[in-house]
Protein backbone atom coordinates (compact mmCIF):
# COMPACT_ATOMS: atom_id res chain seq x y z
CA MET A 1 -16.19 -27.07 14.65
CA SER A 2 -12.84 -28.44 15.82
CA SER A 3 -12.02 -28.32 19.52
CA GLY A 4 -9.05 -26.13 18.52
CA PHE A 5 -11.18 -23.18 17.40
CA SER A 6 -14.51 -21.63 18.28
CA THR A 7 -17.10 -19.56 16.43
CA ILE A 8 -17.30 -15.85 17.21
CA ASP A 9 -20.89 -14.67 17.53
CA GLY A 10 -21.60 -12.10 14.84
CA GLY A 11 -18.06 -12.51 13.52
CA SER A 12 -16.96 -10.84 10.30
CA ALA A 13 -13.94 -9.83 8.26
CA THR A 14 -13.06 -7.25 10.92
CA SER A 15 -12.96 -9.76 13.79
CA PRO A 16 -9.19 -10.36 13.35
CA GLY A 17 -7.01 -7.68 14.96
CA GLY A 18 -5.98 -4.71 12.85
CA PHE A 19 -8.86 -4.76 10.38
CA THR A 20 -11.52 -2.06 10.06
CA ALA A 21 -14.34 -1.58 7.57
CA ALA A 22 -17.28 0.63 6.70
CA ALA A 23 -19.96 0.93 4.04
CA ALA A 24 -21.95 3.72 2.44
CA HIS A 25 -24.77 4.35 -0.01
CA ALA A 26 -23.32 5.77 -3.22
CA GLY A 27 -26.48 5.76 -5.32
CA LEU A 28 -25.82 2.48 -7.16
CA LYS A 29 -28.78 0.74 -5.52
CA ALA A 30 -32.01 2.58 -6.14
CA ASP A 31 -33.52 1.70 -2.77
CA GLY A 32 -30.94 3.64 -0.75
CA ALA A 33 -29.22 0.51 0.56
CA LEU A 34 -25.49 0.27 1.25
CA ASP A 35 -23.64 -0.36 -2.02
CA VAL A 36 -19.98 0.59 -1.50
CA ALA A 37 -17.63 -0.85 1.12
CA LEU A 38 -14.04 -0.42 2.24
CA LEU A 39 -11.93 -2.90 4.24
CA VAL A 40 -8.60 -1.61 5.63
CA SER A 41 -5.70 -3.23 7.50
CA ALA A 42 -3.52 -1.34 9.95
CA THR A 43 -0.44 -2.98 8.40
CA SER A 44 0.53 -4.55 5.09
CA CYS A 45 -1.00 -7.95 4.38
CA ALA A 46 0.40 -11.04 2.75
CA THR A 47 -2.37 -11.78 0.28
CA ALA A 48 -3.43 -14.67 -1.93
CA GLY A 49 -6.20 -14.60 -4.50
CA ALA A 50 -8.15 -17.03 -6.62
CA PHE A 51 -9.95 -15.70 -9.68
CA THR A 52 -12.50 -16.70 -12.28
CA LYS A 53 -11.42 -18.87 -15.20
CA ASN A 54 -13.97 -17.17 -17.42
CA ALA A 55 -12.01 -15.98 -20.48
CA LEU A 56 -13.77 -12.59 -20.30
CA ARG A 57 -12.38 -11.40 -16.98
CA ALA A 58 -13.84 -8.25 -15.47
CA ALA A 59 -11.62 -5.19 -15.05
CA PRO A 60 -11.30 -5.62 -11.25
CA VAL A 61 -10.13 -9.21 -11.75
CA ILE A 62 -7.51 -8.10 -14.28
CA TYR A 63 -6.35 -5.35 -11.93
CA ASP A 64 -6.18 -7.54 -8.83
CA ALA A 65 -4.49 -10.48 -10.54
CA GLN A 66 -1.75 -8.23 -11.91
CA PHE A 67 -1.40 -6.45 -8.56
CA LEU A 68 -0.92 -9.73 -6.66
CA SER A 69 1.61 -10.97 -9.20
CA GLU A 70 3.70 -7.87 -8.43
CA ARG A 71 2.93 -6.86 -4.82
CA PRO A 72 1.40 -9.80 -2.90
CA GLY A 73 2.79 -8.57 0.41
CA ARG A 74 1.75 -4.92 0.20
CA VAL A 75 -2.06 -4.99 0.35
CA ARG A 76 -3.64 -2.60 2.84
CA ALA A 77 -7.24 -2.33 1.61
CA VAL A 78 -10.03 -3.79 -0.47
CA ALA A 79 -12.55 -1.41 -2.08
CA MET A 80 -15.87 -2.94 -3.12
CA ASN A 81 -19.05 -1.98 -4.92
CA ALA A 82 -22.31 -3.68 -5.82
CA ARG A 83 -24.80 -3.31 -8.66
CA VAL A 84 -22.21 -2.66 -11.44
CA ALA A 85 -19.75 -5.44 -12.27
CA ASN A 86 -17.37 -3.32 -14.39
CA ALA A 87 -17.09 -6.32 -16.72
CA CYS A 88 -16.88 -6.25 -20.52
CA THR A 89 -16.15 -2.53 -20.28
CA GLY A 90 -12.85 -2.37 -22.21
CA ALA A 91 -9.98 0.00 -21.51
CA ALA A 92 -12.32 2.46 -19.80
CA GLY A 93 -13.33 -0.22 -17.33
CA LEU A 94 -9.72 -0.96 -16.42
CA GLU A 95 -9.04 2.71 -15.85
CA ALA A 96 -12.18 2.86 -13.68
CA ALA A 97 -10.80 0.01 -11.56
CA ARG A 98 -7.50 1.88 -11.18
CA ALA A 99 -9.37 5.05 -10.21
CA MET A 100 -11.39 3.13 -7.64
CA ALA A 101 -8.19 1.77 -6.09
CA ARG A 102 -6.54 5.21 -6.04
CA CYS A 103 -9.56 6.77 -4.39
CA ALA A 104 -9.62 4.08 -1.68
CA GLU A 105 -5.93 4.63 -0.96
CA GLU A 106 -6.25 8.41 -0.77
CA ALA A 107 -9.46 8.34 1.28
CA ALA A 108 -7.98 5.94 3.85
CA GLY A 109 -4.60 7.70 3.94
CA LEU A 110 -2.71 4.72 2.52
CA PRO A 111 0.37 4.58 0.29
CA PRO A 112 -0.22 4.28 -3.47
CA ARG A 113 -0.69 0.82 -4.97
CA THR A 114 -1.91 -0.85 -1.77
CA ALA A 115 -5.64 -1.35 -2.51
CA LEU A 116 -7.44 -4.14 -4.35
CA VAL A 117 -10.90 -3.70 -5.89
CA LEU A 118 -13.98 -5.91 -6.15
CA SER A 119 -17.12 -5.21 -8.18
CA THR A 120 -20.34 -7.15 -8.67
CA GLY A 121 -23.60 -6.57 -10.50
CA VAL A 122 -24.69 -6.01 -14.08
CA ILE A 123 -22.19 -7.00 -16.78
CA GLY A 124 -21.52 -4.47 -19.54
CA ALA A 125 -22.52 -1.32 -17.66
CA PRO A 126 -19.88 1.39 -17.19
CA LEU A 127 -18.81 1.89 -13.58
CA PRO A 128 -20.08 5.27 -12.31
CA VAL A 129 -16.71 6.25 -10.90
CA ASP A 130 -17.84 9.55 -9.39
CA LYS A 131 -20.54 7.83 -7.34
CA VAL A 132 -18.22 5.04 -6.23
CA GLU A 133 -15.53 7.51 -5.19
CA ARG A 134 -18.02 9.54 -3.13
CA GLY A 135 -19.12 6.34 -1.45
CA LEU A 136 -15.55 5.26 -0.69
CA ARG A 137 -14.73 8.63 0.84
CA ALA A 138 -17.84 8.42 3.01
CA ALA A 139 -16.91 4.90 4.09
CA ALA A 140 -13.30 5.88 4.85
CA ALA A 141 -14.55 8.56 7.24
CA LYS A 142 -16.20 5.99 9.48
CA LEU A 143 -13.90 2.94 9.39
CA SER A 144 -14.41 0.79 12.47
CA PRO A 145 -13.61 -2.70 13.82
CA GLU A 146 -17.40 -3.12 13.98
CA GLY A 147 -17.92 -2.33 10.29
CA GLY A 148 -17.53 -5.86 8.90
CA ALA A 149 -21.23 -6.68 8.92
CA ASP A 150 -22.09 -3.48 7.03
CA ALA A 151 -19.41 -4.26 4.43
CA ALA A 152 -20.92 -7.71 3.88
CA ARG A 153 -24.35 -6.13 3.41
CA ALA A 154 -23.08 -3.52 0.95
CA ILE A 155 -21.83 -6.08 -1.59
CA MET A 156 -25.15 -7.92 -1.78
CA THR A 157 -26.99 -8.00 -5.12
CA THR A 158 -29.69 -10.68 -5.39
CA ASP A 159 -28.53 -12.07 -2.04
CA THR A 160 -31.33 -12.13 0.52
CA ARG A 161 -29.01 -11.87 3.51
CA PRO A 162 -25.41 -10.85 4.30
CA LYS A 163 -22.82 -13.59 4.67
CA HIS A 164 -20.08 -13.19 7.26
CA CYS A 165 -18.50 -15.22 10.06
CA ALA A 166 -15.32 -15.64 12.11
CA VAL A 167 -13.55 -18.15 14.33
CA ARG A 168 -10.84 -17.91 17.00
CA LEU A 169 -8.04 -20.47 17.06
CA GLU A 170 -6.06 -21.08 20.24
CA THR A 171 -2.43 -21.94 19.55
CA PRO A 172 0.54 -22.54 21.91
CA ALA A 173 1.93 -19.17 20.78
CA GLY A 174 -1.33 -17.30 21.33
CA PRO A 175 -4.76 -16.83 19.72
CA VAL A 176 -5.30 -16.32 16.00
CA THR A 177 -8.56 -15.09 14.47
CA ILE A 178 -9.93 -15.78 10.99
CA GLY A 179 -12.90 -13.87 9.63
CA GLY A 180 -14.61 -13.40 6.32
CA MET A 181 -17.47 -12.17 4.21
CA ALA A 182 -18.92 -13.24 0.89
CA LYS A 183 -21.68 -12.49 -1.55
CA GLY A 184 -23.32 -14.64 -4.16
CA ALA A 185 -26.70 -16.14 -4.98
CA GLY A 186 -26.78 -16.59 -8.75
CA MET A 187 -24.29 -17.07 -11.59
CA ILE A 188 -22.49 -19.47 -9.26
CA HIS A 189 -20.27 -22.20 -10.65
CA PRO A 190 -16.79 -20.98 -9.63
CA ASP A 191 -13.77 -22.14 -11.55
CA MET A 192 -11.02 -20.29 -10.00
CA ALA A 193 -20.81 -16.19 -10.00
CA THR A 194 -20.77 -13.08 -9.22
CA LEU A 195 -19.13 -14.67 -6.24
CA LEU A 196 -16.93 -12.41 -4.13
CA ALA A 197 -15.28 -13.36 -0.85
CA VAL A 198 -12.66 -11.82 1.39
CA LEU A 199 -11.15 -13.76 4.28
CA THR A 200 -8.90 -12.05 6.80
CA THR A 201 -6.59 -13.24 9.55
CA ASP A 202 -4.23 -11.65 12.06
CA ALA A 203 -1.82 -14.57 11.68
CA VAL A 204 1.70 -14.01 10.38
CA SER A 205 2.38 -15.41 6.92
CA GLU A 206 4.30 -14.93 3.71
CA PRO A 207 2.70 -14.56 0.25
CA GLY A 208 4.46 -17.66 -1.09
CA THR A 209 3.16 -19.77 1.78
CA LEU A 210 -0.37 -18.43 1.42
CA ARG A 211 -0.59 -18.97 -2.34
CA SER A 212 -0.55 -22.79 -2.40
CA PHE A 213 -2.39 -22.95 0.93
CA TRP A 214 -5.24 -20.78 -0.40
CA LYS A 215 -5.62 -22.82 -3.59
CA HIS A 216 -5.99 -25.96 -1.49
CA VAL A 217 -8.69 -24.34 0.67
CA VAL A 218 -10.57 -22.77 -2.26
CA ASP A 219 -10.70 -26.04 -4.22
CA ARG A 220 -12.54 -27.69 -1.32
CA THR A 221 -14.92 -24.83 -0.54
CA PHE A 222 -15.68 -22.04 -3.02
CA ASN A 223 -14.76 -24.22 -6.00
CA ALA A 224 -16.99 -26.99 -4.68
CA ILE A 225 -20.33 -25.17 -4.95
CA SER A 226 -22.74 -24.53 -7.81
CA VAL A 227 -26.08 -22.74 -8.02
CA ASP A 228 -26.78 -22.55 -11.73
CA GLY A 229 -23.68 -23.72 -13.62
CA ASP A 230 -22.70 -20.22 -14.77
CA THR A 231 -19.16 -18.99 -14.06
CA SER A 232 -19.05 -15.23 -13.63
CA THR A 233 -16.63 -12.73 -15.11
CA ASN A 234 -15.95 -11.40 -11.59
CA ASP A 235 -15.37 -14.41 -9.30
CA THR A 236 -12.71 -13.43 -6.77
CA VAL A 237 -11.77 -14.84 -3.38
CA LEU A 238 -9.01 -13.21 -1.33
CA LEU A 239 -7.12 -14.15 1.83
CA LEU A 240 -5.37 -11.34 3.71
CA ALA A 241 -2.95 -11.98 6.61
CA ASN A 242 -1.73 -8.88 8.45
CA GLY A 243 0.33 -10.53 11.23
CA GLN A 244 -1.18 -8.49 14.07
CA ALA A 245 -1.46 -11.57 16.33
CA GLY A 246 2.28 -12.17 16.11
CA VAL A 247 1.71 -15.89 15.56
CA ASP A 248 3.05 -17.76 12.52
CA PRO A 249 1.09 -21.04 12.31
CA SER A 250 3.47 -22.47 9.71
CA ARG A 251 6.26 -22.79 12.27
CA ASP A 252 4.63 -25.82 13.87
CA GLY A 253 3.10 -28.72 11.92
CA ALA A 254 0.22 -29.36 14.34
CA THR A 255 -0.64 -25.66 14.56
CA TRP A 256 -0.52 -25.30 10.78
CA LYS A 257 -2.97 -28.19 10.42
CA LEU A 258 -5.37 -26.54 12.89
CA PHE A 259 -4.98 -23.21 11.09
CA GLU A 260 -5.89 -24.87 7.80
CA GLU A 261 -8.95 -26.45 9.43
CA ALA A 262 -10.03 -23.07 10.83
CA VAL A 263 -9.59 -21.19 7.55
CA THR A 264 -11.39 -24.00 5.71
CA ALA A 265 -14.23 -23.85 8.23
CA VAL A 266 -14.74 -20.13 7.57
CA ALA A 267 -14.54 -20.60 3.81
CA ARG A 268 -16.93 -23.56 3.89
CA THR A 269 -19.43 -21.68 6.06
CA LEU A 270 -19.47 -18.80 3.57
CA ALA A 271 -19.63 -21.12 0.55
CA LEU A 272 -22.56 -23.08 1.98
CA ALA A 273 -24.31 -19.81 2.85
CA ILE A 274 -24.13 -18.94 -0.85
CA VAL A 275 -25.70 -22.28 -1.79
CA ALA A 276 -28.43 -21.89 0.83
CA ASP A 277 -29.16 -18.41 -0.54
CA GLY A 278 -29.16 -19.53 -4.18
CA GLU A 279 -31.62 -17.54 -6.25
CA GLY A 280 -35.02 -19.13 -5.72
CA ALA A 281 -33.47 -22.07 -3.83
CA THR A 282 -35.67 -24.17 -1.55
CA LYS A 283 -33.33 -27.13 -0.91
CA ARG A 284 -29.64 -27.90 -0.49
CA LEU A 285 -27.95 -30.91 -2.08
CA GLU A 286 -24.65 -32.39 -0.93
CA ILE A 287 -22.98 -34.63 -3.52
CA GLN A 288 -20.33 -37.00 -2.20
CA ILE A 289 -18.20 -38.67 -4.85
CA VAL A 290 -16.07 -41.57 -3.60
CA GLY A 291 -14.11 -44.36 -5.24
CA ALA A 292 -12.51 -42.08 -7.85
CA GLN A 293 -9.03 -42.49 -9.28
CA THR A 294 -8.10 -38.90 -8.36
CA GLU A 295 -9.60 -36.09 -6.31
CA ALA A 296 -9.80 -33.99 -9.49
CA HIS A 297 -11.89 -36.71 -11.17
CA ALA A 298 -14.17 -36.90 -8.13
CA ARG A 299 -14.66 -33.15 -8.13
CA GLU A 300 -15.43 -33.02 -11.87
CA VAL A 301 -18.08 -35.73 -11.53
CA GLY A 302 -19.63 -33.91 -8.59
CA ARG A 303 -19.65 -30.61 -10.44
CA ALA A 304 -21.27 -32.21 -13.50
CA ILE A 305 -24.11 -33.47 -11.32
CA ALA A 306 -24.38 -30.15 -9.50
CA ARG A 307 -24.84 -28.14 -12.69
CA SER A 308 -27.39 -30.49 -14.26
CA THR A 309 -30.69 -28.69 -14.75
CA LEU A 310 -32.52 -32.02 -14.80
CA VAL A 311 -31.02 -33.11 -11.49
CA LYS A 312 -31.75 -29.76 -9.88
CA THR A 313 -35.38 -29.68 -11.03
CA ALA A 314 -35.87 -33.23 -9.77
CA ILE A 315 -34.54 -32.13 -6.38
CA TYR A 316 -36.99 -29.22 -6.40
CA GLY A 317 -39.89 -31.56 -7.14
CA GLY A 318 -38.85 -34.21 -4.62
CA ASP A 319 -38.53 -36.71 -7.47
CA PRO A 320 -35.99 -39.55 -6.83
CA ASN A 321 -35.11 -39.75 -10.52
CA TRP A 322 -31.69 -41.34 -9.99
CA GLY A 323 -31.17 -41.93 -13.71
CA ARG A 324 -30.63 -38.19 -14.15
CA VAL A 325 -27.80 -38.31 -11.62
CA LEU A 326 -25.98 -41.08 -13.44
CA ALA A 327 -26.55 -39.42 -16.80
CA ALA A 328 -25.03 -36.19 -15.47
CA ALA A 329 -22.04 -38.06 -14.05
CA GLY A 330 -21.45 -39.59 -17.45
CA VAL A 331 -20.78 -36.22 -19.12
CA ALA A 332 -18.10 -35.10 -16.66
CA GLY A 333 -15.30 -36.09 -19.02
CA VAL A 334 -14.12 -38.80 -16.64
CA ALA A 335 -13.92 -42.46 -17.69
CA LEU A 336 -16.52 -44.50 -15.75
CA VAL A 337 -17.44 -48.17 -15.57
CA ALA A 338 -21.21 -48.56 -15.16
CA GLU A 339 -20.95 -51.98 -13.52
CA ARG A 340 -18.84 -50.55 -10.68
CA ILE A 341 -21.12 -47.63 -9.82
CA THR A 342 -23.30 -47.43 -6.72
CA LEU A 343 -25.63 -44.49 -6.01
CA GLN A 344 -27.14 -43.88 -2.58
CA ALA A 345 -29.30 -41.13 -1.09
CA GLY A 346 -29.87 -39.89 2.44
CA SER A 347 -31.17 -36.88 4.31
CA ASP A 348 -28.68 -34.45 5.78
CA GLY A 349 -27.63 -35.79 9.17
CA GLY A 350 -30.23 -38.52 8.96
CA ALA A 351 -29.63 -41.40 11.34
CA GLU A 352 -31.31 -43.86 9.00
CA GLY A 353 -28.20 -44.19 6.85
CA TRP A 354 -28.14 -44.53 3.08
CA LEU A 355 -30.78 -45.84 0.72
CA THR A 356 -29.25 -47.56 -2.32
CA LEU A 357 -30.90 -46.34 -5.52
CA ALA A 358 -28.63 -47.99 -8.08
CA SER A 359 -25.94 -50.63 -7.96
CA GLY A 360 -23.84 -52.10 -10.73
CA GLY A 361 -25.10 -49.28 -12.93
CA ALA A 362 -28.70 -50.50 -12.72
CA THR A 363 -31.68 -50.04 -10.43
CA ALA A 364 -31.48 -51.42 -6.91
CA LEU A 365 -35.30 -51.48 -6.68
CA ALA A 366 -35.36 -49.13 -3.69
CA ASP A 367 -38.70 -48.56 -1.96
CA PRO A 368 -40.30 -45.66 -3.93
CA LYS A 369 -41.95 -44.13 -0.86
CA GLN A 370 -38.71 -44.19 1.11
CA ALA A 371 -36.83 -42.65 -1.81
CA ARG A 372 -39.37 -39.87 -2.27
CA ALA A 373 -39.35 -39.15 1.47
CA ILE A 374 -35.62 -38.47 1.26
CA PHE A 375 -35.92 -36.26 -1.83
CA GLU A 376 -38.66 -34.20 -0.19
CA GLN A 377 -36.32 -33.10 2.62
CA LYS A 378 -34.83 -29.61 2.67
CA ALA A 379 -31.29 -30.99 2.86
CA ILE A 380 -30.43 -34.05 0.75
CA ARG A 381 -27.25 -36.05 0.32
CA LEU A 382 -26.19 -38.18 -2.62
CA ARG A 383 -23.28 -40.61 -2.42
CA LEU A 384 -21.90 -41.86 -5.73
CA ASP A 385 -19.25 -44.58 -5.48
CA LEU A 386 -17.38 -44.88 -8.79
CA GLY A 387 -15.62 -48.08 -7.71
CA LEU A 388 -12.38 -47.06 -9.40
CA GLY A 389 -10.07 -45.92 -6.60
CA ARG A 390 -9.76 -44.30 -3.20
CA ALA A 391 -10.06 -40.57 -3.98
CA GLU A 392 -13.12 -38.53 -3.05
CA ALA A 393 -14.58 -35.02 -3.08
CA VAL A 394 -17.71 -33.18 -1.96
CA VAL A 395 -19.71 -30.66 -4.00
CA TRP A 396 -22.70 -28.65 -2.83
CA THR A 397 -25.57 -27.20 -4.85
CA CYS A 398 -29.23 -26.25 -4.55
CA ASP A 399 -32.43 -26.99 -6.41
CA LEU A 400 -33.76 -25.00 -9.35
CA SER A 401 -37.17 -23.45 -8.76
CA PRO A 402 -39.47 -21.23 -10.86
CA ASP A 403 -38.31 -18.28 -8.74
CA TYR A 404 -34.83 -18.55 -10.29
CA VAL A 405 -36.36 -17.76 -13.69
CA ARG A 406 -38.40 -14.89 -12.25
CA ILE A 407 -35.39 -13.30 -10.52
CA ASN A 408 -33.13 -13.51 -13.56
CA SER A 409 -35.66 -12.62 -16.24
CA ASP A 410 -35.70 -8.97 -15.17
CA TYR A 411 -32.30 -8.57 -13.47
CA THR A 412 -31.35 -5.34 -15.25
CA SER A 413 -34.74 -3.66 -15.05
């Protein structure tokens, strides 16, 4: 963490001033767990969103994207449900999303057209609107600044633990808080999985300022992770700024830079929590791509490696099969020169430095025992130097274990 901001113990999306939340069981999860959540701001929020690039967008994504194109400064609430994605549900699904938003607005006593909606779960199943509405009304009756953790738990599907955090940034004009929550464990290869995230802040901002800012943050966090290479119909990440702190970070260059670092830190923490909780995951892999001609090229190479089944199974087995890494890099759609490539491996935070596995596009004859010792760690780093420029990017993923197949082979049953 930067010296300019500090982590809030147990922080969540309701840590910033003016935000409340609550969750309820609406009967979507058979085990009685929380499955509907409502997040509400005391005032209107400037809001930015990033959405899936899957051509078959879910109804909530269609609704939210249109809403933000028309009213990006009028958001007061986000209504959420788990277990049913409301995706590939046609005109009825879009009307269900509208009904969900209307119910949230009425239950929380908000003006019409001020609520966004998020859904996650099984694709193709109709949203049980009556159940969701009952859950939203129950949640609205108990909204609280302490409800952020429950909201994060309610949107879990195959997640094994809730994901939420917050930081406080000290500025010359006063403190600003950034919080957030996310869910995701499988179908994760964002291109903005069933990845949902909501970040909140009490900073003052304008929708136009937030839009480009949020894209920059998302590209380096939520768009830099992969669990299984599948991009969901529902991927949505939102940033809501309600201005309750009375501080506009954009008015001062140094403060704006610290604000970006703080928001990025929250987004990265949530994104890495998704990777660590990947379905069946036992290891985390950080892929550093350097020496690229552009940052976009670096990111595409990293993402190609991250979604490679062969790379991910090698990581699971502790097998330093570096040829798979280079092969995956070669299908990224980026022009490469084999003779300029260097591949190194290291353990996360290891003081031993990097072990060179390949150089000039060919084996560097690294010590096999040393290489395997690195690949057997729970957190592994790869550093691929393309030797073509000065741009770089980082992508995170996890291994692929037999448990991933088990979890997803009976997801709807």
